[in-house]
Amino acid sequence: MLKHRVIPCLLLQNNGLVKTQKFSNPKYVGDPINAIRVFNEKEVDELIVIDIQASKLGKEPNYKLIEEFAGECFMPLCYGGGIRSVEQAERIFALGVEKICIQTAALANLQLINDIASKFGSQSVVISVDVKRDWLGHYRLYRSESAKTASLPWYKFLQEAVAAGCGEVLLNAVDRDGTMAGPDLELIRQANHNLNIPLIAVGGVGSLEDIKAAVDAGASAVAAGAFFVFHGPHRAVLITYPRYQELENLFDII
């Protein structure tokens, strides 16, 4: 086992695999099932799949598609998108998904986190926290379903979600999403200071060195999208993942 997880994060729109940049301009990059099969071959330890359209449109999770994902995955799967009730969470777990990722519903009612964690365990609930800098450079909690910032301080929402019972935090630096320009290390440091549970940092990874830097800054695990689906200066689509030995060597020198 690696000291720190390195997790591909796949985004869905209209049941296809897409990649965004700063949460905008989703680009179609292929069939998610094919991507999962490639990651199986690469022996990835964990996978995150998030439907970026479900909550925006008020749709339920696509259970048939989730069942296909779970059936294909050789690794633990975390699913997010459109989950608004304990019953929906239960149905997703019954399909073979190990973790669910929640944001929109938790922003409206943190009791949902408590209810799901109480029934299925904190380890099965991941809270997604999107953070975007305002024009003054201050970090603001971002609501992805409305593309607006929230008045609640981001770190307060993070702390309240942890108190409600979530087992992990998926921290997304909106301004770095899809850029491969490097993670927001200061944001990771601040989040880590406010946490006593695992922190998954996502946004900006463009190299193995970026993964190491995120871990050095306090991330328990690092997730990435563009880094695993684009190749070269022209961002040609190529699903890939570092060799296990590369990651093992990376963390051995931390």
C-alpha atoms as a PDB file:
ATOM      1  CA  MET A   1       0.000   0.000   0.000  1.00  0.00           C
ATOM      2  CA  LEU A   2       1.129   3.537  -0.770  1.00  0.00           C
ATOM      3  CA  LYS A   3       1.614   5.948   2.104  1.00  0.00           C
ATOM      4  CA  HIS A   4      -0.793   8.373   0.409  1.00  0.00           C
ATOM      5  CA  ARG A   5      -3.586   7.659  -2.049  1.00  0.00           C
ATOM      6  CA  VAL A   6      -3.421   9.144  -5.554  1.00  0.00           C
ATOM      7  CA  ILE A   7      -6.972   9.132  -6.900  1.00  0.00           C
ATOM      8  CA  PRO A   8      -8.316   9.744 -10.407  1.00  0.00           C
ATOM      9  CA  CYS A   9     -11.390  11.994 -10.239  1.00  0.00           C
ATOM     10  CA  LEU A  10     -13.754  11.559 -13.184  1.00  0.00           C
ATOM     11  CA  LEU A  11     -16.504  14.055 -14.038  1.00  0.00           C
ATOM     12  CA  LEU A  12     -19.760  13.051 -15.712  1.00  0.00           C
ATOM     13  CA  GLN A  13     -22.115  15.088 -17.851  1.00  0.00           C
ATOM     14  CA  ASN A  14     -24.913  13.518 -19.901  1.00  0.00           C
ATOM     15  CA  ASN A  15     -23.456  10.132 -18.878  1.00  0.00           C
ATOM     16  CA  GLY A  16     -20.190  10.927 -20.683  1.00  0.00           C
ATOM     17  CA  LEU A  17     -16.769  11.676 -19.276  1.00  0.00           C
ATOM     18  CA  VAL A  18     -15.870  15.387 -19.367  1.00  0.00           C
ATOM     19  CA  LYS A  19     -13.135  17.639 -18.006  1.00  0.00           C
ATOM     20  CA  THR A  20     -13.685  21.208 -16.920  1.00  0.00           C
ATOM     21  CA  GLN A  21     -11.321  24.134 -16.458  1.00  0.00           C
ATOM     22  CA  LYS A  22     -12.054  26.332 -13.441  1.00  0.00           C
ATOM     23  CA  PHE A  23     -15.458  24.591 -13.311  1.00  0.00           C
ATOM     24  CA  SER A  24     -16.355  25.880 -16.812  1.00  0.00           C
ATOM     25  CA  ASN A  25     -16.302  24.714 -20.447  1.00  0.00           C
ATOM     26  CA  PRO A  26     -16.658  20.956 -19.952  1.00  0.00           C
ATOM     27  CA  LYS A  27     -14.828  19.094 -22.713  1.00  0.00           C
ATOM     28  CA  TYR A  28     -15.951  15.607 -23.685  1.00  0.00           C
ATOM     29  CA  VAL A  29     -13.073  13.196 -23.178  1.00  0.00           C
ATOM     30  CA  GLY A  30     -14.652   9.790 -23.711  1.00  0.00           C
ATOM     31  CA  ASP A  31     -16.638   6.908 -22.326  1.00  0.00           C
ATOM     32  CA  PRO A  32     -16.376   6.533 -18.532  1.00  0.00           C
ATOM     33  CA  ILE A  33     -16.520   2.736 -18.695  1.00  0.00           C
ATOM     34  CA  ASN A  34     -13.447   2.678 -20.946  1.00  0.00           C
ATOM     35  CA  ALA A  35     -11.643   5.015 -18.522  1.00  0.00           C
ATOM     36  CA  ILE A  36     -12.495   2.724 -15.594  1.00  0.00           C
ATOM     37  CA  ARG A  37     -11.131  -0.267 -17.497  1.00  0.00           C
ATOM     38  CA  VAL A  38      -7.852   1.569 -18.134  1.00  0.00           C
ATOM     39  CA  PHE A  39      -7.580   2.467 -14.453  1.00  0.00           C
ATOM     40  CA  ASN A  40      -8.233  -1.177 -13.571  1.00  0.00           C
ATOM     41  CA  GLU A  41      -5.269  -2.169 -15.734  1.00  0.00           C
ATOM     42  CA  LYS A  42      -3.145   0.506 -14.055  1.00  0.00           C
ATOM     43  CA  GLU A  43      -4.093  -0.967 -10.646  1.00  0.00           C
ATOM     44  CA  VAL A  44      -5.420   2.304  -9.262  1.00  0.00           C
ATOM     45  CA  ASP A  45      -6.185   2.109  -5.530  1.00  0.00           C
ATOM     46  CA  GLU A  46      -9.380   4.201  -5.541  1.00  0.00           C
ATOM     47  CA  LEU A  47     -11.642   6.119  -7.937  1.00  0.00           C
ATOM     48  CA  ILE A  48     -13.928   9.128  -7.557  1.00  0.00           C
ATOM     49  CA  VAL A  49     -16.775   9.704 -10.041  1.00  0.00           C
ATOM     50  CA  ILE A  50     -18.871  12.869  -9.794  1.00  0.00           C
ATOM     51  CA  ASP A  51     -21.906  13.764 -11.906  1.00  0.00           C
ATOM     52  CA  ILE A  52     -21.527  17.547 -12.236  1.00  0.00           C
ATOM     53  CA  GLN A  53     -24.998  17.953 -13.739  1.00  0.00           C
ATOM     54  CA  ALA A  54     -27.295  16.030 -11.397  1.00  0.00           C
ATOM     55  CA  SER A  55     -27.613  18.593  -8.591  1.00  0.00           C
ATOM     56  CA  LYS A  56     -27.776  21.532 -11.010  1.00  0.00           C
ATOM     57  CA  LEU A  57     -30.754  19.952 -12.771  1.00  0.00           C
ATOM     58  CA  GLY A  58     -32.328  18.521  -9.623  1.00  0.00           C
ATOM     59  CA  LYS A  59     -31.949  14.991 -10.967  1.00  0.00           C
ATOM     60  CA  GLU A  60     -31.553  11.770  -9.023  1.00  0.00           C
ATOM     61  CA  PRO A  61     -28.358   9.776  -9.423  1.00  0.00           C
ATOM     62  CA  ASN A  62     -28.303   7.547 -12.509  1.00  0.00           C
ATOM     63  CA  TYR A  63     -28.473   4.231 -10.654  1.00  0.00           C
ATOM     64  CA  LYS A  64     -28.146   2.100 -13.780  1.00  0.00           C
ATOM     65  CA  LEU A  65     -24.915   3.837 -14.750  1.00  0.00           C
ATOM     66  CA  ILE A  66     -23.578   3.695 -11.183  1.00  0.00           C
ATOM     67  CA  GLU A  67     -24.262  -0.046 -11.133  1.00  0.00           C
ATOM     68  CA  GLU A  68     -22.234  -0.388 -14.348  1.00  0.00           C
ATOM     69  CA  PHE A  69     -19.371   1.563 -12.795  1.00  0.00           C
ATOM     70  CA  ALA A  70     -19.392  -0.530  -9.632  1.00  0.00           C
ATOM     71  CA  GLY A  71     -19.484  -3.715 -11.702  1.00  0.00           C
ATOM     72  CA  GLU A  72     -16.434  -2.645 -13.704  1.00  0.00           C
ATOM     73  CA  CYS A  73     -14.344  -1.226 -10.847  1.00  0.00           C
ATOM     74  CA  PHE A  74     -11.662  -3.432  -9.310  1.00  0.00           C
ATOM     75  CA  MET A  75     -10.944  -0.626  -6.824  1.00  0.00           C
ATOM     76  CA  PRO A  76     -13.057   1.149  -4.165  1.00  0.00           C
ATOM     77  CA  LEU A  77     -15.449   3.617  -5.788  1.00  0.00           C
ATOM     78  CA  CYS A  78     -16.681   6.951  -4.453  1.00  0.00           C
ATOM     79  CA  TYR A  79     -19.706   8.460  -6.219  1.00  0.00           C
ATOM     80  CA  GLY A  80     -21.087  12.004  -5.986  1.00  0.00           C
ATOM     81  CA  GLY A  81     -23.893  13.902  -7.681  1.00  0.00           C
ATOM     82  CA  GLY A  82     -27.591  14.341  -6.955  1.00  0.00           C
ATOM     83  CA  ILE A  83     -27.635  12.587  -3.566  1.00  0.00           C
ATOM     84  CA  ARG A  84     -30.240  14.249  -1.339  1.00  0.00           C
ATOM     85  CA  SER A  85     -31.517  11.526   0.996  1.00  0.00           C
ATOM     86  CA  VAL A  86     -30.551   8.540   3.127  1.00  0.00           C
ATOM     87  CA  GLU A  87     -32.655   6.326   0.853  1.00  0.00           C
ATOM     88  CA  GLN A  88     -30.675   7.392  -2.226  1.00  0.00           C
ATOM     89  CA  ALA A  89     -27.412   6.778  -0.379  1.00  0.00           C
ATOM     90  CA  GLU A  90     -28.605   3.328   0.683  1.00  0.00           C
ATOM     91  CA  ARG A  91     -29.523   2.449  -2.887  1.00  0.00           C
ATOM     92  CA  ILE A  92     -26.079   3.523  -4.123  1.00  0.00           C
ATOM     93  CA  PHE A  93     -24.275   1.524  -1.437  1.00  0.00           C
ATOM     94  CA  ALA A  94     -26.386  -1.508  -2.366  1.00  0.00           C
ATOM     95  CA  LEU A  95     -25.032  -1.250  -5.924  1.00  0.00           C
ATOM     96  CA  GLY A  96     -21.491  -1.829  -4.634  1.00  0.00           C
ATOM     97  CA  VAL A  97     -20.239   1.730  -4.131  1.00  0.00           C
ATOM     98  CA  GLU A  98     -18.013   2.128  -1.039  1.00  0.00           C
ATOM     99  CA  LYS A  99     -18.324   5.889  -0.485  1.00  0.00           C
ATOM    100  CA  ILE A 100     -20.627   8.722  -1.430  1.00  0.00           C
ATOM    101  CA  CYS A 101     -19.584  12.341  -1.931  1.00  0.00           C
ATOM    102  CA  ILE A 102     -22.030  15.104  -0.984  1.00  0.00           C
ATOM    103  CA  GLN A 103     -21.981  18.871  -1.353  1.00  0.00           C
ATOM    104  CA  THR A 104     -25.206  20.572  -2.475  1.00  0.00           C
ATOM    105  CA  ALA A 105     -27.509  18.698  -0.106  1.00  0.00           C
ATOM    106  CA  ALA A 106     -25.098  19.227   2.800  1.00  0.00           C
ATOM    107  CA  LEU A 107     -25.008  22.971   2.188  1.00  0.00           C
ATOM    108  CA  ALA A 108     -28.787  22.956   2.566  1.00  0.00           C
ATOM    109  CA  ASN A 109     -28.959  20.526   5.493  1.00  0.00           C
ATOM    110  CA  LEU A 110     -25.967  19.097   7.348  1.00  0.00           C
ATOM    111  CA  GLN A 111     -28.288  16.719   9.195  1.00  0.00           C
ATOM    112  CA  LEU A 112     -28.157  14.537   6.079  1.00  0.00           C
ATOM    113  CA  ILE A 113     -24.467  13.889   6.745  1.00  0.00           C
ATOM    114  CA  ASN A 114     -25.282  12.869  10.295  1.00  0.00           C
ATOM    115  CA  ASP A 115     -28.122  10.593   9.193  1.00  0.00           C
ATOM    116  CA  ILE A 116     -26.066   8.783   6.543  1.00  0.00           C
ATOM    117  CA  ALA A 117     -22.980   8.490   8.768  1.00  0.00           C
ATOM    118  CA  SER A 118     -25.083   7.143  11.646  1.00  0.00           C
ATOM    119  CA  LYS A 119     -26.516   4.399   9.441  1.00  0.00           C
ATOM    120  CA  PHE A 120     -23.518   3.479   7.272  1.00  0.00           C
ATOM    121  CA  GLY A 121     -20.487   4.822   9.149  1.00  0.00           C
ATOM    122  CA  SER A 122     -18.434   7.996   8.788  1.00  0.00           C
ATOM    123  CA  GLN A 123     -15.928   6.216   6.542  1.00  0.00           C
ATOM    124  CA  SER A 124     -18.600   6.013   3.834  1.00  0.00           C
ATOM    125  CA  VAL A 125     -19.308   9.766   3.656  1.00  0.00           C
ATOM    126  CA  VAL A 126     -17.081  12.292   1.894  1.00  0.00           C
ATOM    127  CA  ILE A 127     -17.927  16.001   2.050  1.00  0.00           C
ATOM    128  CA  SER A 128     -17.008  18.009  -1.040  1.00  0.00           C
ATOM    129  CA  VAL A 129     -15.806  21.551  -0.304  1.00  0.00           C
ATOM    130  CA  ASP A 130     -15.203  23.811  -3.302  1.00  0.00           C
ATOM    131  CA  VAL A 131     -13.222  26.983  -2.604  1.00  0.00           C
ATOM    132  CA  LYS A 132     -12.701  29.924  -4.942  1.00  0.00           C
ATOM    133  CA  ARG A 133     -10.742  33.143  -4.473  1.00  0.00           C
ATOM    134  CA  ASP A 134     -12.685  36.414  -4.751  1.00  0.00           C
ATOM    135  CA  TRP A 135     -11.346  39.537  -6.486  1.00  0.00           C
ATOM    136  CA  LEU A 136      -9.412  40.424  -3.334  1.00  0.00           C
ATOM    137  CA  GLY A 137      -7.797  37.001  -3.223  1.00  0.00           C
ATOM    138  CA  HIS A 138      -9.814  35.807  -0.205  1.00  0.00           C
ATOM    139  CA  TYR A 139     -10.983  32.202  -0.102  1.00  0.00           C
ATOM    140  CA  ARG A 140     -14.749  31.803  -0.441  1.00  0.00           C
ATOM    141  CA  LEU A 141     -16.984  28.748  -0.215  1.00  0.00           C
ATOM    142  CA  TYR A 142     -18.298  28.024  -3.714  1.00  0.00           C
ATOM    143  CA  ARG A 143     -21.635  26.431  -4.578  1.00  0.00           C
ATOM    144  CA  SER A 144     -21.054  24.431  -7.723  1.00  0.00           C
ATOM    145  CA  GLU A 145     -24.750  23.877  -8.475  1.00  0.00           C
ATOM    146  CA  SER A 146     -25.415  27.640  -8.698  1.00  0.00           C
ATOM    147  CA  ALA A 147     -21.897  28.804  -9.661  1.00  0.00           C
ATOM    148  CA  LYS A 148     -21.999  31.342  -6.814  1.00  0.00           C
ATOM    149  CA  THR A 149     -20.047  31.851  -3.620  1.00  0.00           C
ATOM    150  CA  ALA A 150     -21.749  31.309  -0.261  1.00  0.00           C
ATOM    151  CA  SER A 151     -21.787  33.687   2.697  1.00  0.00           C
ATOM    152  CA  LEU A 152     -20.741  30.959   5.142  1.00  0.00           C
ATOM    153  CA  PRO A 153     -16.933  30.890   5.598  1.00  0.00           C
ATOM    154  CA  TRP A 154     -15.479  27.844   3.865  1.00  0.00           C
ATOM    155  CA  TYR A 155     -13.567  26.630   6.910  1.00  0.00           C
ATOM    156  CA  LYS A 156     -16.692  26.910   9.073  1.00  0.00           C
ATOM    157  CA  PHE A 157     -18.642  24.716   6.655  1.00  0.00           C
ATOM    158  CA  LEU A 158     -15.745  22.275   6.691  1.00  0.00           C
ATOM    159  CA  GLN A 159     -15.705  22.149  10.491  1.00  0.00           C
ATOM    160  CA  GLU A 160     -19.493  21.771  10.717  1.00  0.00           C
ATOM    161  CA  ALA A 161     -19.457  18.931   8.170  1.00  0.00           C
ATOM    162  CA  VAL A 162     -16.797  17.122  10.192  1.00  0.00           C
ATOM    163  CA  ALA A 163     -18.837  17.627  13.367  1.00  0.00           C
ATOM    164  CA  ALA A 164     -21.875  16.209  11.537  1.00  0.00           C
ATOM    165  CA  GLY A 165     -20.010  12.964  10.927  1.00  0.00           C
ATOM    166  CA  CYS A 166     -18.297  12.917   7.525  1.00  0.00           C
ATOM    167  CA  GLY A 167     -15.191  10.764   7.346  1.00  0.00           C
ATOM    168  CA  GLU A 168     -13.210  12.564   4.649  1.00  0.00           C
ATOM    169  CA  VAL A 169     -13.025  15.953   2.954  1.00  0.00           C
ATOM    170  CA  LEU A 170     -12.607  16.430  -0.794  1.00  0.00           C
ATOM    171  CA  LEU A 171     -11.151  19.940  -1.068  1.00  0.00           C
ATOM    172  CA  ASN A 172     -11.334  21.435  -4.548  1.00  0.00           C
ATOM    173  CA  ALA A 173      -9.436  24.604  -5.489  1.00  0.00           C
ATOM    174  CA  VAL A 174     -11.832  25.953  -8.141  1.00  0.00           C
ATOM    175  CA  ASP A 175      -9.289  28.389  -9.609  1.00  0.00           C
ATOM    176  CA  ARG A 176      -6.843  25.528 -10.244  1.00  0.00           C
ATOM    177  CA  ASP A 177      -9.374  23.037 -11.654  1.00  0.00           C
ATOM    178  CA  GLY A 178      -8.149  21.571 -14.946  1.00  0.00           C
ATOM    179  CA  THR A 179      -5.246  23.996 -15.258  1.00  0.00           C
ATOM    180  CA  MET A 180      -2.443  21.574 -14.303  1.00  0.00           C
ATOM    181  CA  ALA A 181      -0.708  24.724 -12.971  1.00  0.00           C
ATOM    182  CA  GLY A 182      -0.029  23.299  -9.525  1.00  0.00           C
ATOM    183  CA  PRO A 183      -2.237  22.864  -6.422  1.00  0.00           C
ATOM    184  CA  ASP A 184      -3.189  25.697  -4.081  1.00  0.00           C
ATOM    185  CA  LEU A 185      -0.788  24.787  -1.302  1.00  0.00           C
ATOM    186  CA  GLU A 186      -1.881  27.584   1.049  1.00  0.00           C
ATOM    187  CA  LEU A 187      -5.486  26.404   0.841  1.00  0.00           C
ATOM    188  CA  ILE A 188      -4.375  22.856   1.658  1.00  0.00           C
ATOM    189  CA  ARG A 189      -2.381  24.106   4.650  1.00  0.00           C
ATOM    190  CA  GLN A 190      -5.314  26.104   5.994  1.00  0.00           C
ATOM    191  CA  ALA A 191      -7.723  23.186   5.530  1.00  0.00           C
ATOM    192  CA  ASN A 192      -5.354  20.759   7.210  1.00  0.00           C
ATOM    193  CA  HIS A 193      -5.084  23.135  10.177  1.00  0.00           C
ATOM    194  CA  ASN A 194      -8.875  22.884  10.625  1.00  0.00           C
ATOM    195  CA  LEU A 195      -9.132  19.102  10.235  1.00  0.00           C
ATOM    196  CA  ASN A 196      -8.634  15.908  12.189  1.00  0.00           C
ATOM    197  CA  ILE A 197      -9.871  13.598   9.405  1.00  0.00           C
ATOM    198  CA  PRO A 198      -8.314  12.685   6.027  1.00  0.00           C
ATOM    199  CA  LEU A 199      -8.073  15.496   3.470  1.00  0.00           C
ATOM    200  CA  ILE A 200      -8.177  14.761  -0.260  1.00  0.00           C
ATOM    201  CA  ALA A 201      -6.789  17.719  -2.225  1.00  0.00           C
ATOM    202  CA  VAL A 202      -7.877  18.198  -5.838  1.00  0.00           C
ATOM    203  CA  GLY A 203      -7.267  20.927  -8.392  1.00  0.00           C
ATOM    204  CA  GLY A 204      -4.172  21.924 -10.341  1.00  0.00           C
ATOM    205  CA  VAL A 205      -2.080  18.755 -10.332  1.00  0.00           C
ATOM    206  CA  GLY A 206       0.135  18.650 -13.409  1.00  0.00           C
ATOM    207  CA  SER A 207       3.094  16.540 -12.305  1.00  0.00           C
ATOM    208  CA  LEU A 208       4.288  14.023  -9.752  1.00  0.00           C
ATOM    209  CA  GLU A 209       6.066  16.906  -8.025  1.00  0.00           C
ATOM    210  CA  ASP A 210       2.692  18.625  -7.563  1.00  0.00           C
ATOM    211  CA  ILE A 211       1.358  15.504  -5.842  1.00  0.00           C
ATOM    212  CA  LYS A 212       4.327  15.490  -3.488  1.00  0.00           C
ATOM    213  CA  ALA A 213       3.887  19.223  -2.790  1.00  0.00           C
ATOM    214  CA  ALA A 214       0.210  18.727  -1.900  1.00  0.00           C
ATOM    215  CA  VAL A 215       1.087  15.940   0.533  1.00  0.00           C
ATOM    216  CA  ASP A 216       3.866  18.050   2.034  1.00  0.00           C
ATOM    217  CA  ALA A 217       1.293  20.819   2.559  1.00  0.00           C
ATOM    218  CA  GLY A 218      -0.954  18.485   4.562  1.00  0.00           C
ATOM    219  CA  ALA A 219      -3.084  16.451   2.163  1.00  0.00           C
ATOM    220  CA  SER A 220      -3.693  12.842   3.194  1.00  0.00           C
ATOM    221  CA  ALA A 221      -4.476  11.979  -0.421  1.00  0.00           C
ATOM    222  CA  VAL A 222      -4.378  13.756  -3.771  1.00  0.00           C
ATOM    223  CA  ALA A 223      -6.997  13.521  -6.519  1.00  0.00           C
ATOM    224  CA  ALA A 224      -6.610  14.712 -10.099  1.00  0.00           C
ATOM    225  CA  GLY A 225      -8.552  14.784 -13.331  1.00  0.00           C
ATOM    226  CA  ALA A 226      -6.737  16.557 -16.171  1.00  0.00           C
ATOM    227  CA  PHE A 227      -3.389  15.045 -15.171  1.00  0.00           C
ATOM    228  CA  PHE A 228      -4.792  11.575 -15.813  1.00  0.00           C
ATOM    229  CA  VAL A 229      -6.794  12.296 -18.997  1.00  0.00           C
ATOM    230  CA  PHE A 230      -4.733  14.840 -20.991  1.00  0.00           C
ATOM    231  CA  HIS A 231      -1.309  14.447 -22.548  1.00  0.00           C
ATOM    232  CA  GLY A 232       1.092  16.988 -24.035  1.00  0.00           C
ATOM    233  CA  PRO A 233       0.815  20.743 -24.715  1.00  0.00           C
ATOM    234  CA  HIS A 234      -2.257  20.305 -26.911  1.00  0.00           C
ATOM    235  CA  ARG A 235      -4.118  18.380 -24.184  1.00  0.00           C
ATOM    236  CA  ALA A 236      -4.707  15.308 -26.310  1.00  0.00           C
ATOM    237  CA  VAL A 237      -6.918  12.777 -24.526  1.00  0.00           C
ATOM    238  CA  LEU A 238      -4.925   9.866 -23.141  1.00  0.00           C
ATOM    239  CA  ILE A 239      -6.102   8.032 -20.016  1.00  0.00           C
ATOM    240  CA  THR A 240      -3.032   7.246 -17.928  1.00  0.00           C
ATOM    241  CA  TYR A 241      -1.746   6.790 -14.386  1.00  0.00           C
ATOM    242  CA  PRO A 242       1.759   6.707 -12.867  1.00  0.00           C
ATOM    243  CA  ARG A 243       3.425   3.368 -12.271  1.00  0.00           C
ATOM    244  CA  TYR A 244       3.177   2.106  -8.690  1.00  0.00           C
ATOM    245  CA  GLN A 245       6.963   2.226  -8.322  1.00  0.00           C
ATOM    246  CA  GLU A 246       6.989   5.902  -9.332  1.00  0.00           C
ATOM    247  CA  LEU A 247       4.489   6.780  -6.621  1.00  0.00           C
ATOM    248  CA  GLU A 248       6.215   4.601  -4.048  1.00  0.00           C
ATOM    249  CA  ASN A 249       9.515   6.338  -4.749  1.00  0.00           C
ATOM    250  CA  LEU A 250       7.808   9.729  -4.598  1.00  0.00           C
ATOM    251  CA  PHE A 251       6.428   9.135  -1.112  1.00  0.00           C
ATOM    252  CA  ASP A 252       9.585   7.442   0.155  1.00  0.00           C
ATOM    253  CA  ILE A 253      11.391  10.793  -0.106  1.00  0.00           C
ATOM    254  CA  ILE A 254       8.717  12.821   1.665  1.00  0.00           C
END
